[in-house]
Amino acid sequence: MTNETHFMLGGDLRVRRMGFGAMRLPVGSIDGPPRDPGTGLKVLRRAVELGVDHIDTAAFYERGGVAANVLIREALGGPYPEGLVIATKVGPFKGPDDPFPTGQAGADGLRAQVEQNLTELGLDRLDLVNLRPGLIDAPGGESIGERFEVLAGLREEGLIRHLGLSHVDAAQLAEARAIAPVAGVQNRFDITMPQDAAMLAECEAAGIACVPYFPLGGFGIPDDARVARVAERHGATPAQILLAGLLALSPVMLAIPGTGSLEHLEENIAAAGLRLTAEDLAELSGDANE
C-alpha cells in the first residue's frame, strides 16, 4: 500500500499520480456520436484547476472533426501551464470514416505521426511519446526494434523528451530498453483484471511508470462484489475504489481515467484522496463472488 501522491516520470518530470486521459473527450463510446467540443474544453480547464498535470492523448482520439489534441491546445495552450506534462502515442491510425484505429504505421510513418501531434498540440517538443505496436490483439509476438529506433532518433533530435510503450509484452519492453530508456508502459490493467501483474513488478523494479489504459474497466464500470463492498465502507463510488485501488498497488502506478463529464471528472480526481486499508486491498484481491 502506498500513499505517495507524485511520481518522477522519466526521472525528471514530477507529476501527480492521478492524471487525465483524453480519449473520451471527442466521443463517449466507440460507436457513439461526437461530443460537444465546448464541454471538452470545460473538462480540460477544470482538470487543470483540480491539479491535474499529466494528460494522456493521441492524434487518433478524434471523431467527426472533434479532436482531443485540438481541444487540449485550445483549452490549455498559449502558453500551457507550467509543469503540465502531455503524453501521446503513435503507431495506430484511422481511416477517414473509421470510428477507431484500424491501421498500424511502420517505421517510415512514425515521424509524420510525431509531427502531427506536435502541430495539433502546438508544441516544439513532446514530453512523452508511447509506441503502441498493436491494436486489440494480445500484445507481443513481433519485433518493435526498428520502430522504436525511429522514435529514439527523434528523441535525439529534440522532438521528444521521453519514450514509452503501450500494449507490449516483456520481450518487447526488453527490446526497447536495449535501444533507449523507457519512461512508462501503458498496458491494460485494473484491479478486477490484474493480468499484467508481472509487467507491473518489472516496471517497479526499474522505476518505470505503469500507466494502465482502461483503469475503470474500459467498457463500463465492472459489476464486482468486492469493489461494491469496499466502496460502501468508504462512502465512495465503485469508480473511485477502482482508481484508489490502482494507486495503492505501487508507487510507480499512474492513473489516467478519461471522461467527457465534469461530474465524473470531479469524482475521479477525488479518488486520489482515498486511503484504502490493507484489509481493503486484501478483499479486492480475493474472490469476486465471496
C-alpha atoms as a PDB file:
ATOM      1  CA  MET A   1       0.000   0.000   0.000  1.00  0.00           C
ATOM      2  CA  THR A   2       1.409   3.383  -0.979  1.00  0.00           C
ATOM      3  CA  ASN A   3       0.392   6.950  -0.183  1.00  0.00           C
ATOM      4  CA  GLU A   4       2.795   8.759  -2.499  1.00  0.00           C
ATOM      5  CA  THR A   5       0.962  11.474  -4.422  1.00  0.00           C
ATOM      6  CA  HIS A   6       3.607  12.191  -7.082  1.00  0.00           C
ATOM      7  CA  PHE A   7       5.965  10.308  -9.386  1.00  0.00           C
ATOM      8  CA  MET A   8       9.085  11.397 -11.273  1.00  0.00           C
ATOM      9  CA  LEU A   9       8.187  10.430 -14.832  1.00  0.00           C
ATOM     10  CA  GLY A  10      11.341   9.691 -16.794  1.00  0.00           C
ATOM     11  CA  GLY A  11      13.306  10.743 -13.739  1.00  0.00           C
ATOM     12  CA  ASP A  12      12.783  14.471 -14.279  1.00  0.00           C
ATOM     13  CA  LEU A  13       9.072  15.234 -14.753  1.00  0.00           C
ATOM     14  CA  ARG A  14       7.242  15.419 -11.429  1.00  0.00           C
ATOM     15  CA  VAL A  15       3.580  14.564 -11.951  1.00  0.00           C
ATOM     16  CA  ARG A  16       0.635  13.769  -9.738  1.00  0.00           C
ATOM     17  CA  ARG A  17      -0.210  10.093  -9.838  1.00  0.00           C
ATOM     18  CA  MET A  18      -3.820  10.922 -10.754  1.00  0.00           C
ATOM     19  CA  GLY A  19      -3.841  12.239 -14.296  1.00  0.00           C
ATOM     20  CA  PHE A  20      -6.355  12.545 -17.112  1.00  0.00           C
ATOM     21  CA  GLY A  21      -6.946  10.547 -20.287  1.00  0.00           C
ATOM     22  CA  ALA A  22      -8.268  12.448 -23.293  1.00  0.00           C
ATOM     23  CA  MET A  23      -9.744   9.518 -25.227  1.00  0.00           C
ATOM     24  CA  ARG A  24     -13.336  10.268 -24.221  1.00  0.00           C
ATOM     25  CA  LEU A  25     -13.237  13.978 -24.982  1.00  0.00           C
ATOM     26  CA  PRO A  26     -14.259  13.581 -28.652  1.00  0.00           C
ATOM     27  CA  VAL A  27     -16.728  10.712 -28.122  1.00  0.00           C
ATOM     28  CA  GLY A  28     -18.362   8.882 -25.237  1.00  0.00           C
ATOM     29  CA  SER A  29     -18.284   5.382 -26.723  1.00  0.00           C
ATOM     30  CA  ILE A  30     -16.737   3.516 -29.632  1.00  0.00           C
ATOM     31  CA  ASP A  31     -19.833   3.802 -31.818  1.00  0.00           C
ATOM     32  CA  GLY A  32     -21.294   6.995 -30.349  1.00  0.00           C
ATOM     33  CA  PRO A  33     -21.645  10.457 -31.912  1.00  0.00           C
ATOM     34  CA  PRO A  34     -19.079  13.215 -31.385  1.00  0.00           C
ATOM     35  CA  ARG A  35     -19.322  15.103 -28.110  1.00  0.00           C
ATOM     36  CA  ASP A  36     -19.902  18.830 -27.852  1.00  0.00           C
ATOM     37  CA  PRO A  37     -16.378  20.319 -28.064  1.00  0.00           C
ATOM     38  CA  GLY A  38     -17.404  23.084 -25.677  1.00  0.00           C
ATOM     39  CA  THR A  39     -17.902  20.528 -22.937  1.00  0.00           C
ATOM     40  CA  GLY A  40     -14.470  19.063 -23.638  1.00  0.00           C
ATOM     41  CA  LEU A  41     -12.885  22.481 -23.218  1.00  0.00           C
ATOM     42  CA  LYS A  42     -14.606  22.916 -19.857  1.00  0.00           C
ATOM     43  CA  VAL A  43     -13.494  19.471 -18.692  1.00  0.00           C
ATOM     44  CA  LEU A  44      -9.864  20.143 -19.602  1.00  0.00           C
ATOM     45  CA  ARG A  45      -9.771  23.519 -17.892  1.00  0.00           C
ATOM     46  CA  ARG A  46     -11.420  22.128 -14.789  1.00  0.00           C
ATOM     47  CA  ALA A  47      -8.989  19.199 -14.718  1.00  0.00           C
ATOM     48  CA  VAL A  48      -6.057  21.592 -14.523  1.00  0.00           C
ATOM     49  CA  GLU A  49      -7.854  23.660 -11.877  1.00  0.00           C
ATOM     50  CA  LEU A  50      -8.165  20.463  -9.834  1.00  0.00           C
ATOM     51  CA  GLY A  51      -4.422  19.899 -10.031  1.00  0.00           C
ATOM     52  CA  VAL A  52      -4.075  17.529 -12.978  1.00  0.00           C
ATOM     53  CA  ASP A  53      -0.611  17.938 -14.500  1.00  0.00           C
ATOM     54  CA  HIS A  54      -0.414  14.792 -16.661  1.00  0.00           C
ATOM     55  CA  ILE A  55      -2.668  14.466 -19.708  1.00  0.00           C
ATOM     56  CA  ASP A  56      -2.591  11.445 -21.999  1.00  0.00           C
ATOM     57  CA  THR A  57      -3.759  11.895 -25.591  1.00  0.00           C
ATOM     58  CA  ALA A  58      -3.308  10.733 -29.196  1.00  0.00           C
ATOM     59  CA  ALA A  59      -3.903  12.168 -32.649  1.00  0.00           C
ATOM     60  CA  PHE A  60      -6.318   9.312 -33.379  1.00  0.00           C
ATOM     61  CA  TYR A  61      -8.563  10.407 -30.487  1.00  0.00           C
ATOM     62  CA  GLU A  62     -10.890  12.083 -32.964  1.00  0.00           C
ATOM     63  CA  ARG A  63     -14.477  11.726 -34.146  1.00  0.00           C
ATOM     64  CA  GLY A  64     -16.432  13.830 -36.608  1.00  0.00           C
ATOM     65  CA  GLY A  65     -13.953  16.688 -36.566  1.00  0.00           C
ATOM     66  CA  VAL A  66     -13.723  16.791 -32.755  1.00  0.00           C
ATOM     67  CA  ALA A  67     -10.076  16.009 -31.902  1.00  0.00           C
ATOM     68  CA  ALA A  68      -8.615  15.616 -28.421  1.00  0.00           C
ATOM     69  CA  ASN A  69      -5.301  17.232 -29.370  1.00  0.00           C
ATOM     70  CA  VAL A  70      -7.022  20.297 -30.787  1.00  0.00           C
ATOM     71  CA  LEU A  71      -9.217  20.619 -27.694  1.00  0.00           C
ATOM     72  CA  ILE A  72      -6.151  20.387 -25.439  1.00  0.00           C
ATOM     73  CA  ARG A  73      -4.387  23.132 -27.354  1.00  0.00           C
ATOM     74  CA  GLU A  74      -7.451  25.382 -27.426  1.00  0.00           C
ATOM     75  CA  ALA A  75      -8.265  24.870 -23.752  1.00  0.00           C
ATOM     76  CA  LEU A  76      -4.779  24.980 -22.264  1.00  0.00           C
ATOM     77  CA  GLY A  77      -2.243  26.197 -24.802  1.00  0.00           C
ATOM     78  CA  GLY A  78      -0.903  29.677 -25.402  1.00  0.00           C
ATOM     79  CA  PRO A  79       1.052  29.074 -23.228  1.00  0.00           C
ATOM     80  CA  TYR A  80       0.448  25.790 -21.461  1.00  0.00           C
ATOM     81  CA  PRO A  81       0.514  25.893 -17.651  1.00  0.00           C
ATOM     82  CA  GLU A  82       3.996  25.454 -16.227  1.00  0.00           C
ATOM     83  CA  GLY A  83       4.623  21.853 -15.241  1.00  0.00           C
ATOM     84  CA  LEU A  84       1.874  20.355 -17.407  1.00  0.00           C
ATOM     85  CA  VAL A  85       3.065  17.074 -18.942  1.00  0.00           C
ATOM     86  CA  ILE A  86       1.385  15.908 -22.143  1.00  0.00           C
ATOM     87  CA  ALA A  87       1.878  12.319 -23.277  1.00  0.00           C
ATOM     88  CA  THR A  88       0.764  10.956 -26.627  1.00  0.00           C
ATOM     89  CA  LYS A  89       1.032   7.717 -28.540  1.00  0.00           C
ATOM     90  CA  VAL A  90       1.896   6.740 -32.081  1.00  0.00           C
ATOM     91  CA  GLY A  91       1.581   3.658 -34.232  1.00  0.00           C
ATOM     92  CA  PRO A  92      -2.166   3.175 -34.791  1.00  0.00           C
ATOM     93  CA  PHE A  93      -4.032   5.298 -37.308  1.00  0.00           C
ATOM     94  CA  LYS A  94      -7.606   5.737 -38.505  1.00  0.00           C
ATOM     95  CA  GLY A  95      -9.059   5.988 -41.966  1.00  0.00           C
ATOM     96  CA  PRO A  96     -11.331   8.983 -42.616  1.00  0.00           C
ATOM     97  CA  ASP A  97     -14.516   7.098 -41.750  1.00  0.00           C
ATOM     98  CA  ASP A  98     -13.123   4.682 -39.156  1.00  0.00           C
ATOM     99  CA  PRO A  99     -14.609   5.018 -35.647  1.00  0.00           C
ATOM    100  CA  PHE A 100     -11.394   3.609 -34.145  1.00  0.00           C
ATOM    101  CA  PRO A 101      -7.874   2.836 -35.400  1.00  0.00           C
ATOM    102  CA  THR A 102      -7.652   0.044 -37.950  1.00  0.00           C
ATOM    103  CA  GLY A 103      -4.109   0.537 -39.284  1.00  0.00           C
ATOM    104  CA  GLN A 104      -0.600   0.413 -37.898  1.00  0.00           C
ATOM    105  CA  ALA A 105       2.213   2.694 -39.084  1.00  0.00           C
ATOM    106  CA  GLY A 106       5.560   1.209 -39.978  1.00  0.00           C
ATOM    107  CA  ALA A 107       8.887   2.753 -39.097  1.00  0.00           C
ATOM    108  CA  ASP A 108       8.684   5.091 -42.082  1.00  0.00           C
ATOM    109  CA  GLY A 109       5.381   6.568 -40.890  1.00  0.00           C
ATOM    110  CA  LEU A 110       6.259   7.449 -37.312  1.00  0.00           C
ATOM    111  CA  ARG A 111       7.957  10.790 -37.960  1.00  0.00           C
ATOM    112  CA  ALA A 112       4.810  12.080 -39.662  1.00  0.00           C
ATOM    113  CA  GLN A 113       2.708  10.952 -36.692  1.00  0.00           C
ATOM    114  CA  VAL A 114       5.029  12.680 -34.228  1.00  0.00           C
ATOM    115  CA  GLU A 115       4.951  15.852 -36.313  1.00  0.00           C
ATOM    116  CA  GLN A 116       1.140  15.691 -36.473  1.00  0.00           C
ATOM    117  CA  ASN A 117       0.984  15.587 -32.672  1.00  0.00           C
ATOM    118  CA  LEU A 118       3.418  18.485 -32.391  1.00  0.00           C
ATOM    119  CA  THR A 119       1.360  20.579 -34.808  1.00  0.00           C
ATOM    120  CA  GLU A 120      -2.030  19.779 -33.310  1.00  0.00           C
ATOM    121  CA  LEU A 121      -0.841  20.395 -29.763  1.00  0.00           C
ATOM    122  CA  GLY A 122       1.172  23.487 -30.676  1.00  0.00           C
ATOM    123  CA  LEU A 123       4.371  22.182 -29.128  1.00  0.00           C
ATOM    124  CA  ASP A 124       8.036  22.181 -30.127  1.00  0.00           C
ATOM    125  CA  ARG A 125       8.729  19.021 -28.127  1.00  0.00           C
ATOM    126  CA  LEU A 126       6.520  16.212 -26.841  1.00  0.00           C
ATOM    127  CA  ASP A 127       7.043  15.276 -23.186  1.00  0.00           C
ATOM    128  CA  LEU A 128       6.331  11.582 -23.700  1.00  0.00           C
ATOM    129  CA  VAL A 129       5.614   9.525 -26.808  1.00  0.00           C
ATOM    130  CA  ASN A 130       4.395   5.970 -26.385  1.00  0.00           C
ATOM    131  CA  LEU A 131       4.827   3.481 -29.201  1.00  0.00           C
ATOM    132  CA  ARG A 132       1.783   1.225 -29.461  1.00  0.00           C
ATOM    133  CA  PRO A 133       2.772  -1.592 -31.817  1.00  0.00           C
ATOM    134  CA  GLY A 134      -0.530  -3.495 -31.688  1.00  0.00           C
ATOM    135  CA  LEU A 135      -4.232  -2.716 -31.838  1.00  0.00           C
ATOM    136  CA  ILE A 136      -6.608  -5.030 -29.950  1.00  0.00           C
ATOM    137  CA  ASP A 137      -4.983  -8.447 -30.223  1.00  0.00           C
ATOM    138  CA  ALA A 138      -2.932  -9.799 -27.329  1.00  0.00           C
ATOM    139  CA  PRO A 139       0.327  -7.844 -27.005  1.00  0.00           C
ATOM    140  CA  GLY A 140       3.637  -9.248 -28.160  1.00  0.00           C
ATOM    141  CA  GLY A 141       4.747 -11.614 -30.879  1.00  0.00           C
ATOM    142  CA  GLU A 142       6.594  -9.116 -33.067  1.00  0.00           C
ATOM    143  CA  SER A 143       9.756  -7.053 -33.022  1.00  0.00           C
ATOM    144  CA  ILE A 144       9.420  -3.362 -32.247  1.00  0.00           C
ATOM    145  CA  GLY A 145      13.113  -2.515 -32.570  1.00  0.00           C
ATOM    146  CA  GLU A 146      13.010  -0.763 -35.933  1.00  0.00           C
ATOM    147  CA  ARG A 147      10.077   1.418 -34.929  1.00  0.00           C
ATOM    148  CA  PHE A 148      11.486   2.229 -31.505  1.00  0.00           C
ATOM    149  CA  GLU A 149      14.807   3.193 -33.073  1.00  0.00           C
ATOM    150  CA  VAL A 150      12.963   5.791 -35.173  1.00  0.00           C
ATOM    151  CA  LEU A 151      11.468   7.334 -32.048  1.00  0.00           C
ATOM    152  CA  ALA A 152      14.844   7.202 -30.309  1.00  0.00           C
ATOM    153  CA  GLY A 153      16.269   9.173 -33.230  1.00  0.00           C
ATOM    154  CA  LEU A 154      13.521  11.781 -32.899  1.00  0.00           C
ATOM    155  CA  ARG A 155      14.358  11.980 -29.214  1.00  0.00           C
ATOM    156  CA  GLU A 156      17.976  12.679 -30.106  1.00  0.00           C
ATOM    157  CA  GLU A 157      16.769  15.433 -32.465  1.00  0.00           C
ATOM    158  CA  GLY A 158      14.949  17.066 -29.554  1.00  0.00           C
ATOM    159  CA  LEU A 159      11.390  16.459 -30.779  1.00  0.00           C
ATOM    160  CA  ILE A 160      10.641  14.064 -27.912  1.00  0.00           C
ATOM    161  CA  ARG A 161      11.707  14.223 -24.279  1.00  0.00           C
ATOM    162  CA  HIS A 162      10.877  10.697 -23.118  1.00  0.00           C
ATOM    163  CA  LEU A 163       9.801   7.436 -24.755  1.00  0.00           C
ATOM    164  CA  GLY A 164       7.257   4.899 -23.603  1.00  0.00           C
ATOM    165  CA  LEU A 165       5.384   1.823 -24.764  1.00  0.00           C
ATOM    166  CA  SER A 166       1.758   0.735 -24.910  1.00  0.00           C
ATOM    167  CA  HIS A 167       0.228  -2.745 -25.276  1.00  0.00           C
ATOM    168  CA  VAL A 168       3.505  -4.668 -25.129  1.00  0.00           C
ATOM    169  CA  ASP A 169       4.874  -7.825 -23.545  1.00  0.00           C
ATOM    170  CA  ALA A 170       8.055  -8.355 -21.536  1.00  0.00           C
ATOM    171  CA  ALA A 171      10.147  -9.246 -24.595  1.00  0.00           C
ATOM    172  CA  GLN A 172       9.146  -6.041 -26.373  1.00  0.00           C
ATOM    173  CA  LEU A 173       9.928  -3.982 -23.277  1.00  0.00           C
ATOM    174  CA  ALA A 174      13.375  -5.562 -23.088  1.00  0.00           C
ATOM    175  CA  GLU A 175      13.949  -4.947 -26.808  1.00  0.00           C
ATOM    176  CA  ALA A 176      13.034  -1.263 -26.433  1.00  0.00           C
ATOM    177  CA  ARG A 177      15.146  -0.765 -23.303  1.00  0.00           C
ATOM    178  CA  ALA A 178      18.190  -2.055 -25.182  1.00  0.00           C
ATOM    179  CA  ILE A 179      17.706   0.840 -27.632  1.00  0.00           C
ATOM    180  CA  ALA A 180      16.729   3.782 -25.405  1.00  0.00           C
ATOM    181  CA  PRO A 181      15.368   4.453 -21.904  1.00  0.00           C
ATOM    182  CA  VAL A 182      11.677   3.644 -21.403  1.00  0.00           C
ATOM    183  CA  ALA A 183       9.831   6.051 -19.109  1.00  0.00           C
ATOM    184  CA  GLY A 184       6.438   4.349 -18.988  1.00  0.00           C
ATOM    185  CA  VAL A 185       4.377   1.340 -20.034  1.00  0.00           C
ATOM    186  CA  GLN A 186       0.674   1.549 -20.858  1.00  0.00           C
ATOM    187  CA  ASN A 187      -0.912  -1.888 -20.718  1.00  0.00           C
ATOM    188  CA  ARG A 188      -4.444  -2.911 -19.844  1.00  0.00           C
ATOM    189  CA  PHE A 189      -4.833  -3.258 -16.106  1.00  0.00           C
ATOM    190  CA  ASP A 190      -7.483  -2.656 -13.489  1.00  0.00           C
ATOM    191  CA  ILE A 191      -7.871  -4.074 -10.023  1.00  0.00           C
ATOM    192  CA  THR A 192     -10.540  -6.545 -11.182  1.00  0.00           C
ATOM    193  CA  MET A 193      -8.350  -7.673 -14.133  1.00  0.00           C
ATOM    194  CA  PRO A 194      -4.732  -7.587 -12.853  1.00  0.00           C
ATOM    195  CA  GLN A 195      -3.490  -9.853 -15.642  1.00  0.00           C
ATOM    196  CA  ASP A 196      -0.332  -7.778 -16.094  1.00  0.00           C
ATOM    197  CA  ALA A 197       0.985  -8.130 -12.549  1.00  0.00           C
ATOM    198  CA  ALA A 198       4.341  -9.368 -13.854  1.00  0.00           C
ATOM    199  CA  MET A 199       4.740  -6.251 -16.009  1.00  0.00           C
ATOM    200  CA  LEU A 200       3.885  -4.062 -13.014  1.00  0.00           C
ATOM    201  CA  ALA A 201       6.592  -5.797 -10.976  1.00  0.00           C
ATOM    202  CA  GLU A 202       9.117  -5.273 -13.757  1.00  0.00           C
ATOM    203  CA  CYS A 203       8.233  -1.592 -14.047  1.00  0.00           C
ATOM    204  CA  GLU A 204       8.503  -1.126 -10.305  1.00  0.00           C
ATOM    205  CA  ALA A 205      11.936  -2.750 -10.208  1.00  0.00           C
ATOM    206  CA  ALA A 206      13.175  -0.465 -12.994  1.00  0.00           C
ATOM    207  CA  GLY A 207      11.473   2.753 -11.837  1.00  0.00           C
ATOM    208  CA  ILE A 208       9.308   2.814 -14.968  1.00  0.00           C
ATOM    209  CA  ALA A 209       5.816   4.295 -14.714  1.00  0.00           C
ATOM    210  CA  CYS A 210       2.969   1.822 -15.096  1.00  0.00           C
ATOM    211  CA  VAL A 211       0.077   3.747 -16.675  1.00  0.00           C
ATOM    212  CA  PRO A 212      -2.896   1.441 -17.248  1.00  0.00           C
ATOM    213  CA  TYR A 213      -5.295   2.077 -20.050  1.00  0.00           C
ATOM    214  CA  PHE A 214      -8.894   1.202 -19.186  1.00  0.00           C
ATOM    215  CA  PRO A 215      -8.285   1.761 -15.429  1.00  0.00           C
ATOM    216  CA  LEU A 216     -12.074   1.729 -14.946  1.00  0.00           C
ATOM    217  CA  GLY A 217     -12.696  -1.458 -16.905  1.00  0.00           C
ATOM    218  CA  GLY A 218     -12.869   0.087 -20.367  1.00  0.00           C
ATOM    219  CA  PHE A 219     -16.443  -0.769 -21.313  1.00  0.00           C
ATOM    220  CA  GLY A 220     -18.380   0.246 -18.253  1.00  0.00           C
ATOM    221  CA  ILE A 221     -17.624   0.009 -14.543  1.00  0.00           C
ATOM    222  CA  PRO A 222     -17.250  -3.694 -13.640  1.00  0.00           C
ATOM    223  CA  ASP A 223     -20.083  -5.172 -11.554  1.00  0.00           C
ATOM    224  CA  ASP A 224     -17.784  -6.569  -8.903  1.00  0.00           C
ATOM    225  CA  ALA A 225     -18.920  -7.558  -5.408  1.00  0.00           C
ATOM    226  CA  ARG A 226     -15.503  -6.835  -3.876  1.00  0.00           C
ATOM    227  CA  VAL A 227     -15.449  -3.295  -5.254  1.00  0.00           C
ATOM    228  CA  ALA A 228     -19.027  -2.665  -4.146  1.00  0.00           C
ATOM    229  CA  ARG A 229     -18.299  -3.726  -0.566  1.00  0.00           C
ATOM    230  CA  VAL A 230     -15.192  -1.576  -0.255  1.00  0.00           C
ATOM    231  CA  ALA A 231     -16.990   1.379  -1.847  1.00  0.00           C
ATOM    232  CA  GLU A 232     -19.813   1.087   0.693  1.00  0.00           C
ATOM    233  CA  ARG A 233     -17.359   1.096   3.603  1.00  0.00           C
ATOM    234  CA  HIS A 234     -15.687   4.275   2.356  1.00  0.00           C
ATOM    235  CA  GLY A 235     -18.834   6.070   1.209  1.00  0.00           C
ATOM    236  CA  ALA A 236     -17.297   6.152  -2.262  1.00  0.00           C
ATOM    237  CA  THR A 237     -18.338   5.114  -5.747  1.00  0.00           C
ATOM    238  CA  PRO A 238     -17.075   1.908  -7.393  1.00  0.00           C
ATOM    239  CA  ALA A 239     -15.120   4.038  -9.882  1.00  0.00           C
ATOM    240  CA  GLN A 240     -13.321   5.778  -7.046  1.00  0.00           C
ATOM    241  CA  ILE A 241     -12.379   2.441  -5.467  1.00  0.00           C
ATOM    242  CA  LEU A 242     -11.053   1.157  -8.792  1.00  0.00           C
ATOM    243  CA  LEU A 243      -8.807   4.208  -9.066  1.00  0.00           C
ATOM    244  CA  ALA A 244      -7.738   4.324  -5.425  1.00  0.00           C
ATOM    245  CA  GLY A 245      -7.006   0.610  -5.591  1.00  0.00           C
ATOM    246  CA  LEU A 246      -4.687   1.107  -8.540  1.00  0.00           C
ATOM    247  CA  LEU A 247      -2.757   3.883  -6.836  1.00  0.00           C
ATOM    248  CA  ALA A 248      -2.410   1.770  -3.708  1.00  0.00           C
ATOM    249  CA  LEU A 249      -0.765  -1.112  -5.564  1.00  0.00           C
ATOM    250  CA  SER A 250       2.567   0.527  -6.354  1.00  0.00           C
ATOM    251  CA  PRO A 251       4.361   3.887  -6.210  1.00  0.00           C
ATOM    252  CA  VAL A 252       5.047   3.622  -9.963  1.00  0.00           C
ATOM    253  CA  MET A 253       1.344   3.328 -10.808  1.00  0.00           C
ATOM    254  CA  LEU A 254      -0.182   6.362 -12.537  1.00  0.00           C
ATOM    255  CA  ALA A 255      -3.903   6.597 -13.271  1.00  0.00           C
ATOM    256  CA  ILE A 256      -5.281   8.364 -16.343  1.00  0.00           C
ATOM    257  CA  PRO A 257      -9.068   7.956 -16.188  1.00  0.00           C
ATOM    258  CA  GLY A 258     -10.838   9.599 -19.082  1.00  0.00           C
ATOM    259  CA  THR A 259     -14.188  11.336 -19.178  1.00  0.00           C
ATOM    260  CA  GLY A 260     -16.126  13.961 -21.049  1.00  0.00           C
ATOM    261  CA  SER A 261     -18.231  14.754 -17.980  1.00  0.00           C
ATOM    262  CA  LEU A 262     -17.460  17.429 -15.405  1.00  0.00           C
ATOM    263  CA  GLU A 263     -19.251  15.392 -12.726  1.00  0.00           C
ATOM    264  CA  HIS A 264     -17.206  12.267 -13.424  1.00  0.00           C
ATOM    265  CA  LEU A 265     -14.022  14.322 -13.573  1.00  0.00           C
ATOM    266  CA  GLU A 266     -14.611  15.640 -10.064  1.00  0.00           C
ATOM    267  CA  GLU A 267     -15.387  12.113  -8.877  1.00  0.00           C
ATOM    268  CA  ASN A 268     -12.229  10.667 -10.432  1.00  0.00           C
ATOM    269  CA  ILE A 269      -9.884  13.313  -9.083  1.00  0.00           C
ATOM    270  CA  ALA A 270     -11.351  12.954  -5.587  1.00  0.00           C
ATOM    271  CA  ALA A 271     -10.361   9.266  -5.654  1.00  0.00           C
ATOM    272  CA  ALA A 272      -6.724  10.297  -5.230  1.00  0.00           C
ATOM    273  CA  GLY A 273      -7.583  11.313  -1.670  1.00  0.00           C
ATOM    274  CA  LEU A 274      -8.982   7.927  -0.669  1.00  0.00           C
ATOM    275  CA  ARG A 275      -6.728   5.815   1.531  1.00  0.00           C
ATOM    276  CA  LEU A 276      -7.520   2.128   1.328  1.00  0.00           C
ATOM    277  CA  THR A 277      -6.526  -0.148   4.192  1.00  0.00           C
ATOM    278  CA  ALA A 278      -4.582  -3.382   3.955  1.00  0.00           C
ATOM    279  CA  GLU A 279      -7.882  -5.154   4.609  1.00  0.00           C
ATOM    280  CA  ASP A 280      -9.486  -3.322   1.676  1.00  0.00           C
ATOM    281  CA  LEU A 281      -6.679  -4.354  -0.650  1.00  0.00           C
ATOM    282  CA  ALA A 282      -6.818  -7.953   0.557  1.00  0.00           C
ATOM    283  CA  GLU A 283     -10.536  -8.045  -0.153  1.00  0.00           C
ATOM    284  CA  LEU A 284     -10.098  -6.511  -3.601  1.00  0.00           C
ATOM    285  CA  SER A 285      -7.539  -9.165  -4.493  1.00  0.00           C
ATOM    286  CA  GLY A 286      -9.811 -12.000  -3.322  1.00  0.00           C
ATOM    287  CA  ASP A 287     -12.610 -13.902  -4.993  1.00  0.00           C
ATOM    288  CA  ALA A 288     -15.146 -11.586  -6.637  1.00  0.00           C
ATOM    289  CA  ASN A 289     -18.040 -13.771  -5.502  1.00  0.00           C
ATOM    290  CA  GLU A 290     -17.107 -14.092  -1.844  1.00  0.00           C
END
